[in-house]
Amino acid sequence: MKIDLLYEMEMLKPWGPNAEYNTYWEAVEQIELADRMGFDTVWEVEHHFLEEFSHSPAPEVFLGAIAQRTRNIRIGQGVALLPWKFNHPIRVAERAAVLDIMSKGRLEFGTGRSSVVEQMGFDLDPAESREMWQEAVRIIPQMWMQERFSYDGRFFKIPERPIIPKPIQKPHPPMWVAATSPETWELAGLNGLGCLGLTVWVDLPELQERMKRYRNGLKRCTPAGAFINDKVGVFTIGHCAETTKKAIENGGVDATMWYVTYVFRGLASVPKEMLGKVPGTLPYEDVVKQFPLFERYEKYGNVTFDEIDERDMVIVGDPDKCIEKLKRYEKAGADRVLCIMQVGGLKHEHVMKSIELFGKYVIPEFKD
């Protein structure tokens, strides 16, 4: 199983005058260390308008800089937003190809649709976002593989043009999709894409059920690209310290609870009776099924770290505890775990130490 890092550029208030500058350059220093410590891939999200949670609207720019300051770690778009009007597929294909060139063939190409609030900020109809993603994810690899490309579809009409440059990796970089709902896990399989799934609100038994849906989709897939990427990556919060007591004192528990509460607040911002009626939302009973702790949060206004930890939704502790938790993910069927360590206001020096401890003690446990 591979161990990765994920970045959202979280930045809790109050902000100082150099807060965004510091957040970005601390991330650079952390990833340079991760490259030396044996992490497999660094993933960077694309988000818009999400104050504190993610100040990361231009991942290709950041990852281009990272490609020049690292040698071995792979470069993951985690993810490029494909619905138009976020990004036109031609621009996505062009930028990804340049990123593959500048990283000397290290690109992992992840895709997604984003949240309703982001979609509506771009005057994008959430009800059409999945169909837009589906159309775009199938034509982008064709742009990479064909000398000249043309297309006449529902959302995109492209006259014959040379889409340049082409990626180094042939026939193209590995392709992925981010999945929060069980339906998207199955859709990932049907398209022959690697699946990047969330675990912060999903316990391991439910995660295994989603993996089954993914594998069933793979059996019936028509690949979006030239080959099937049949791997599962799962995302979680990770913080390691010399002792579990130290991990808690560093703020690992506080960071976890800030993250979980932020997400639950977003779910709870839509009245229960409107869930399923507002475009892009699920009915209340489906939300509860997907995120079992949400019903408790809505009723009591909080969940506890112990409730999250005992369900193996996060990885916070000393190296032995982190190894134990990760082995449960491996046993569940994960091919890689994407750890977000720069999270919830954790100090830079504590993130650096966590990366160092993972490299020294945790990652070697999962090397082939």
Protein backbone atom coordinates (compact mmCIF):
# COMPACT_ATOMS: atom_id res chain seq x y z
CA MET A 1 0.00 0.00 0.00
CA LYS A 2 1.28 3.46 -0.91
CA ILE A 3 1.23 6.42 1.50
CA ASP A 4 0.52 9.85 -0.02
CA LEU A 5 0.01 13.44 1.12
CA LEU A 6 -3.00 15.62 0.26
CA TYR A 7 -3.07 19.42 0.44
CA GLU A 8 -6.04 21.79 0.59
CA MET A 9 -4.15 24.87 1.84
CA GLU A 10 -6.18 25.19 5.02
CA MET A 11 -5.81 28.51 6.77
CA LEU A 12 -7.73 29.15 9.96
CA LYS A 13 -8.62 32.64 11.14
CA PRO A 14 -7.41 35.03 12.43
CA TRP A 15 -5.19 35.70 9.44
CA GLY A 16 -1.98 37.67 9.63
CA PRO A 17 -0.75 39.84 6.74
CA ASN A 18 1.37 36.98 5.30
CA ALA A 19 -0.96 34.08 6.08
CA GLU A 20 -1.48 32.79 2.54
CA TYR A 21 2.20 33.29 1.66
CA ASN A 22 3.24 31.32 4.75
CA THR A 23 0.72 28.54 4.11
CA TYR A 24 1.97 27.96 0.58
CA TRP A 25 5.68 28.10 1.35
CA GLU A 26 5.34 25.92 4.43
CA ALA A 27 3.61 23.38 2.19
CA VAL A 28 6.57 23.53 -0.20
CA GLU A 29 8.99 22.79 2.65
CA GLN A 30 6.80 19.93 3.88
CA ILE A 31 6.60 18.33 0.44
CA GLU A 32 10.36 18.64 -0.09
CA LEU A 33 10.76 16.64 3.13
CA ALA A 34 8.10 14.14 2.05
CA ASP A 35 10.00 13.59 -1.19
CA ARG A 36 13.09 12.62 0.81
CA MET A 37 11.09 10.47 3.28
CA GLY A 38 9.55 8.16 0.67
CA PHE A 39 5.96 9.33 0.26
CA ASP A 40 4.60 8.13 -3.08
CA THR A 41 2.43 11.03 -4.36
CA VAL A 42 1.46 14.54 -3.31
CA TRP A 43 -2.09 15.56 -4.28
CA GLU A 44 -3.38 19.15 -4.44
CA VAL A 45 -7.07 20.04 -4.62
CA GLU A 46 -8.93 22.62 -6.67
CA HIS A 47 -11.48 24.52 -4.56
CA HIS A 48 -13.09 27.94 -4.76
CA PHE A 49 -14.69 30.29 -2.19
CA LEU A 50 -14.07 28.00 0.82
CA GLU A 51 -12.54 30.38 3.37
CA GLU A 52 -10.27 28.68 5.91
CA PHE A 53 -11.02 25.22 4.48
CA SER A 54 -9.16 25.53 1.17
CA HIS A 55 -7.29 28.46 -0.37
CA SER A 56 -6.31 26.41 -3.42
CA PRO A 57 -7.93 27.57 -6.68
CA ALA A 58 -4.90 26.94 -8.94
CA PRO A 59 -3.31 23.55 -8.14
CA GLU A 60 -1.49 23.29 -11.46
CA VAL A 61 0.53 26.43 -10.64
CA PHE A 62 1.50 25.11 -7.21
CA LEU A 63 2.24 21.59 -8.49
CA GLY A 64 4.39 23.02 -11.30
CA ALA A 65 6.57 24.64 -8.63
CA ILE A 66 6.62 21.41 -6.60
CA ALA A 67 7.74 19.45 -9.68
CA GLN A 68 10.89 21.62 -9.84
CA ARG A 69 11.76 21.15 -6.15
CA THR A 70 11.30 17.36 -5.91
CA ARG A 71 12.77 14.33 -7.64
CA ASN A 72 10.80 11.19 -6.83
CA ILE A 73 7.36 11.99 -5.41
CA ARG A 74 4.60 11.79 -7.99
CA ILE A 75 2.47 14.85 -8.74
CA GLY A 76 -1.28 14.40 -8.25
CA GLN A 77 -4.03 16.69 -9.47
CA GLY A 78 -6.44 15.88 -6.71
CA VAL A 79 -8.52 17.03 -8.54
CA ALA A 80 -9.05 19.10 -11.69
CA LEU A 81 -12.69 20.23 -11.84
CA LEU A 82 -14.12 19.17 -15.19
CA PRO A 83 -17.61 20.70 -15.36
CA TRP A 84 -17.71 23.73 -17.58
CA LYS A 85 -17.64 26.62 -16.46
CA PHE A 86 -14.87 25.70 -14.03
CA ASN A 87 -12.49 24.57 -16.76
CA HIS A 88 -12.84 23.86 -20.45
CA PRO A 89 -11.55 20.33 -21.25
CA ILE A 90 -9.05 21.69 -23.79
CA ARG A 91 -7.44 23.85 -21.08
CA VAL A 92 -7.44 20.92 -18.66
CA ALA A 93 -5.71 18.69 -21.22
CA GLU A 94 -3.16 21.37 -22.08
CA ARG A 95 -2.27 22.20 -18.47
CA ALA A 96 -2.05 18.55 -17.45
CA ALA A 97 0.26 17.79 -20.38
CA VAL A 98 2.58 20.65 -19.42
CA LEU A 99 2.57 19.45 -15.81
CA ASP A 100 3.52 15.94 -16.94
CA ILE A 101 6.36 17.39 -19.02
CA MET A 102 7.66 19.63 -16.24
CA SER A 103 7.51 16.79 -13.71
CA LYS A 104 9.30 14.45 -16.16
CA GLY A 105 6.38 12.05 -16.33
CA ARG A 106 5.22 12.01 -12.70
CA LEU A 107 1.61 13.20 -13.15
CA GLU A 108 -1.41 11.44 -11.65
CA PHE A 109 -4.48 13.00 -13.28
CA GLY A 110 -7.43 13.27 -10.88
CA THR A 111 -10.86 14.66 -11.81
CA GLY A 112 -14.01 15.75 -10.00
CA ARG A 113 -17.10 17.99 -9.89
CA SER A 114 -16.79 20.01 -6.63
CA SER A 115 -19.55 21.25 -4.31
CA VAL A 116 -22.85 22.97 -5.02
CA VAL A 117 -21.74 26.30 -3.55
CA GLU A 118 -18.70 26.31 -5.84
CA GLN A 119 -20.69 25.25 -8.89
CA MET A 120 -23.30 27.96 -8.38
CA GLY A 121 -20.55 30.55 -7.86
CA PHE A 122 -19.47 29.84 -11.43
CA ASP A 123 -23.08 30.03 -12.69
CA LEU A 124 -23.03 26.28 -13.29
CA ASP A 125 -26.20 24.19 -12.99
CA PRO A 126 -25.44 21.50 -10.35
CA ALA A 127 -28.00 19.19 -11.97
CA GLU A 128 -25.80 19.04 -15.10
CA SER A 129 -22.41 18.75 -13.40
CA ARG A 130 -22.17 14.94 -13.50
CA GLU A 131 -23.03 14.78 -17.20
CA MET A 132 -20.50 17.55 -17.89
CA TRP A 133 -17.82 15.64 -15.99
CA GLN A 134 -18.68 12.43 -17.85
CA GLU A 135 -18.40 14.04 -21.26
CA ALA A 136 -15.16 15.84 -20.43
CA VAL A 137 -13.41 12.86 -18.82
CA ARG A 138 -13.89 10.82 -21.98
CA ILE A 139 -12.63 13.37 -24.47
CA ILE A 140 -9.54 14.58 -22.58
CA PRO A 141 -7.52 11.36 -23.08
CA GLN A 142 -8.47 11.44 -26.76
CA MET A 143 -6.94 14.92 -26.99
CA TRP A 144 -3.70 13.49 -25.61
CA MET A 145 -3.60 10.50 -27.94
CA GLN A 146 -4.84 11.97 -31.25
CA GLU A 147 -2.64 14.19 -33.40
CA ARG A 148 -5.70 16.28 -34.28
CA PHE A 149 -8.95 16.22 -32.36
CA SER A 150 -12.55 17.18 -33.02
CA TYR A 151 -15.77 16.56 -31.13
CA ASP A 152 -19.48 17.31 -31.36
CA GLY A 153 -21.28 16.52 -28.10
CA ARG A 154 -23.96 17.82 -25.77
CA PHE A 155 -21.82 20.29 -23.83
CA PHE A 156 -18.72 20.65 -25.98
CA LYS A 157 -18.35 21.30 -29.70
CA ILE A 158 -14.72 21.40 -30.79
CA PRO A 159 -13.64 21.87 -34.42
CA GLU A 160 -10.60 19.93 -35.56
CA ARG A 161 -7.52 21.25 -33.84
CA PRO A 162 -4.09 19.99 -32.68
CA ILE A 163 -4.31 19.91 -28.87
CA ILE A 164 -0.71 20.51 -27.80
CA PRO A 165 1.52 19.65 -26.05
CA LYS A 166 1.18 15.93 -25.35
CA PRO A 167 2.04 14.25 -22.02
CA ILE A 168 5.28 12.32 -21.59
CA GLN A 169 3.52 9.26 -20.15
CA LYS A 170 2.12 7.10 -22.93
CA PRO A 171 -0.59 6.61 -23.84
CA HIS A 172 -1.44 9.13 -21.07
CA PRO A 173 -1.10 9.65 -17.28
CA PRO A 174 -3.13 7.47 -14.89
CA MET A 175 -6.67 8.83 -14.45
CA TRP A 176 -8.70 9.11 -11.23
CA VAL A 177 -11.96 10.53 -9.93
CA ALA A 178 -12.82 11.80 -6.44
CA ALA A 179 -15.77 9.98 -4.86
CA THR A 180 -17.89 11.00 -1.87
CA SER A 181 -21.14 9.17 -2.67
CA PRO A 182 -21.49 5.39 -3.21
CA GLU A 183 -22.88 6.17 -6.68
CA THR A 184 -19.64 7.89 -7.67
CA TRP A 185 -17.61 4.89 -6.50
CA GLU A 186 -19.58 2.76 -8.93
CA LEU A 187 -19.28 5.40 -11.65
CA ALA A 188 -15.50 5.37 -11.19
CA GLY A 189 -15.51 1.64 -11.87
CA LEU A 190 -17.79 1.94 -14.89
CA ASN A 191 -15.33 4.44 -16.40
CA GLY A 192 -12.24 2.37 -15.56
CA LEU A 193 -10.85 5.16 -13.37
CA GLY A 194 -8.93 4.94 -10.13
CA CYS A 195 -11.14 5.95 -7.20
CA LEU A 196 -10.14 8.58 -4.61
CA GLY A 197 -12.60 8.05 -1.76
CA LEU A 198 -13.22 9.91 1.50
CA THR A 199 -13.03 8.11 4.84
CA VAL A 200 -13.24 10.92 7.41
CA TRP A 201 -16.98 10.30 7.83
CA VAL A 202 -17.09 6.69 6.60
CA ASP A 203 -16.11 3.71 8.76
CA LEU A 204 -14.21 0.73 7.35
CA PRO A 205 -17.19 -1.65 6.91
CA GLU A 206 -18.99 1.00 4.85
CA LEU A 207 -15.75 1.70 2.98
CA GLN A 208 -15.53 -1.97 2.03
CA GLU A 209 -19.10 -1.85 0.73
CA ARG A 210 -18.15 1.08 -1.49
CA MET A 211 -15.12 -0.80 -2.73
CA LYS A 212 -17.43 -3.67 -3.71
CA ARG A 213 -19.53 -1.25 -5.77
CA TYR A 214 -16.33 0.02 -7.38
CA ARG A 215 -15.12 -3.49 -8.25
CA ASN A 216 -18.54 -4.40 -9.62
CA GLY A 217 -18.40 -1.31 -11.80
CA LEU A 218 -14.97 -2.31 -13.08
CA LYS A 219 -16.37 -5.65 -14.26
CA ARG A 220 -18.77 -3.79 -16.56
CA CYS A 221 -16.55 -0.85 -17.46
CA THR A 222 -15.99 0.93 -20.73
CA PRO A 223 -12.71 2.71 -19.99
CA ALA A 224 -12.69 6.48 -20.36
CA GLY A 225 -9.02 6.33 -21.33
CA ALA A 226 -6.73 3.90 -23.09
CA PHE A 227 -6.34 1.63 -20.06
CA ILE A 228 -8.06 0.74 -16.80
CA ASN A 229 -6.72 2.17 -13.54
CA ASP A 230 -8.16 -0.30 -11.03
CA LYS A 231 -6.70 1.24 -7.85
CA VAL A 232 -8.45 2.64 -4.78
CA GLY A 233 -7.06 5.57 -2.82
CA VAL A 234 -8.72 6.63 0.43
CA PHE A 235 -8.37 10.02 2.08
CA THR A 236 -8.08 10.65 5.80
CA ILE A 237 -6.55 12.98 8.38
CA GLY A 238 -3.12 11.88 9.57
CA HIS A 239 -0.95 13.22 12.38
CA CYS A 240 1.97 11.36 13.96
CA ALA A 241 4.08 12.33 16.98
CA GLU A 242 6.59 10.56 19.22
CA THR A 243 3.73 9.54 21.53
CA THR A 244 -0.03 9.56 21.19
CA LYS A 245 -0.15 12.01 24.12
CA LYS A 246 2.14 14.35 22.16
CA ALA A 247 -0.02 13.98 19.02
CA ILE A 248 -3.01 15.15 21.06
CA GLU A 249 -1.04 18.00 22.67
CA ASN A 250 0.10 19.13 19.21
CA GLY A 251 -3.56 19.65 18.31
CA GLY A 252 -4.14 16.51 16.25
CA VAL A 253 -7.52 15.92 17.89
CA ASP A 254 -8.50 19.60 17.66
CA ALA A 255 -7.56 19.69 13.98
CA THR A 256 -9.64 16.59 13.30
CA MET A 257 -12.67 17.99 15.08
CA TRP A 258 -12.35 21.33 13.28
CA TYR A 259 -12.32 19.54 9.92
CA VAL A 260 -15.24 17.23 10.70
CA THR A 261 -17.31 20.07 12.17
CA TYR A 262 -16.65 22.26 9.12
CA VAL A 263 -18.00 19.56 6.83
CA PHE A 264 -20.98 18.73 9.03
CA ARG A 265 -21.85 22.43 9.21
CA GLY A 266 -21.90 22.46 5.43
CA LEU A 267 -24.30 19.52 5.35
CA ALA A 268 -26.44 21.01 8.10
CA SER A 269 -26.66 24.38 6.34
CA VAL A 270 -29.37 22.90 4.11
CA PRO A 271 -32.62 22.34 6.07
CA LYS A 272 -33.51 18.67 6.46
CA GLU A 273 -36.73 19.07 4.48
CA MET A 274 -34.81 20.63 1.57
CA LEU A 275 -32.20 17.89 1.30
CA GLY A 276 -32.79 16.07 -1.97
CA LYS A 277 -34.71 19.05 -3.37
CA VAL A 278 -31.82 21.50 -3.54
CA PRO A 279 -29.77 20.64 -6.66
CA GLY A 280 -26.74 18.55 -5.84
CA THR A 281 -27.96 17.40 -2.40
CA LEU A 282 -29.14 13.97 -1.28
CA PRO A 283 -32.30 13.15 0.67
CA TYR A 284 -31.81 13.23 4.44
CA GLU A 285 -31.99 9.46 4.84
CA ASP A 286 -29.26 9.03 2.21
CA VAL A 287 -27.02 11.58 3.94
CA VAL A 288 -27.40 9.68 7.23
CA LYS A 289 -26.64 6.40 5.45
CA GLN A 290 -23.48 7.83 3.89
CA PHE A 291 -22.32 9.71 7.00
CA PRO A 292 -23.59 7.79 10.05
CA LEU A 293 -22.42 10.41 12.56
CA PHE A 294 -24.28 13.24 10.83
CA GLU A 295 -27.58 12.39 12.53
CA ARG A 296 -25.88 12.63 15.92
CA TYR A 297 -24.23 15.91 14.94
CA GLU A 298 -27.53 17.42 13.82
CA LYS A 299 -29.26 16.28 17.02
CA TYR A 300 -26.59 17.25 19.58
CA GLY A 301 -24.43 19.75 17.69
CA ASN A 302 -21.24 17.74 18.06
CA VAL A 303 -19.51 14.40 17.77
CA THR A 304 -16.52 13.27 19.84
CA PHE A 305 -13.04 12.36 18.67
CA ASP A 306 -13.40 8.95 20.32
CA GLU A 307 -16.45 8.23 18.15
CA ILE A 308 -14.44 9.09 15.03
CA ASP A 309 -11.27 7.33 16.18
CA GLU A 310 -12.93 4.06 17.18
CA ARG A 311 -14.45 3.84 13.70
CA ASP A 312 -10.95 4.19 12.17
CA MET A 313 -12.00 7.35 10.32
CA VAL A 314 -8.75 9.19 11.18
CA ILE A 315 -5.11 8.37 11.98
CA VAL A 316 -3.76 10.32 14.98
CA GLY A 317 -1.13 8.91 17.35
CA ASP A 318 2.39 7.56 17.70
CA PRO A 319 4.04 5.56 14.88
CA ASP A 320 2.78 2.22 16.20
CA LYS A 321 -0.82 3.45 16.34
CA CYS A 322 -0.54 4.96 12.85
CA ILE A 323 0.82 1.66 11.50
CA GLU A 324 -1.98 -0.28 13.19
CA LYS A 325 -4.64 2.01 11.71
CA LEU A 326 -3.10 1.92 8.24
CA LYS A 327 -2.92 -1.87 8.26
CA ARG A 328 -6.69 -1.89 8.75
CA TYR A 329 -7.02 0.23 5.60
CA GLU A 330 -4.71 -2.16 3.77
CA LYS A 331 -6.72 -5.17 4.94
CA ALA A 332 -9.92 -3.42 3.82
CA GLY A 333 -8.52 -3.27 0.28
CA ALA A 334 -7.01 0.22 -0.11
CA ASP A 335 -4.14 0.54 -2.58
CA ARG A 336 -3.07 3.91 -1.23
CA VAL A 337 -3.94 6.26 1.65
CA LEU A 338 -3.94 10.02 1.10
CA CYS A 339 -3.08 11.69 4.43
CA ILE A 340 -3.91 15.34 4.96
CA MET A 341 -1.41 16.58 7.56
CA GLN A 342 -1.49 20.34 6.98
CA VAL A 343 -4.94 20.60 8.53
CA GLY A 344 -6.99 22.50 11.09
CA GLY A 345 -4.33 24.94 12.25
CA LEU A 346 -1.60 22.39 13.09
CA LYS A 347 1.74 24.16 13.41
CA HIS A 348 4.29 23.82 10.63
CA GLU A 349 6.91 22.24 12.89
CA HIS A 350 4.43 19.58 14.03
CA VAL A 351 3.49 18.76 10.43
CA MET A 352 7.18 18.46 9.55
CA LYS A 353 7.75 16.08 12.48
CA SER A 354 4.73 14.00 11.46
CA ILE A 355 6.10 13.65 7.92
CA GLU A 356 9.52 12.70 9.30
CA LEU A 357 8.08 10.03 11.63
CA PHE A 358 5.95 8.59 8.82
CA GLY A 359 9.04 8.34 6.64
CA LYS A 360 11.20 6.73 9.32
CA TYR A 361 8.77 4.30 10.89
CA VAL A 362 5.43 4.06 9.10
CA ILE A 363 6.10 3.96 5.36
CA PRO A 364 8.75 1.18 5.62
CA GLU A 365 6.03 -1.11 7.04
CA PHE A 366 4.15 -0.91 3.73
CA LYS A 367 6.99 -1.19 1.22
CA ASP A 368 6.84 -4.20 -1.08
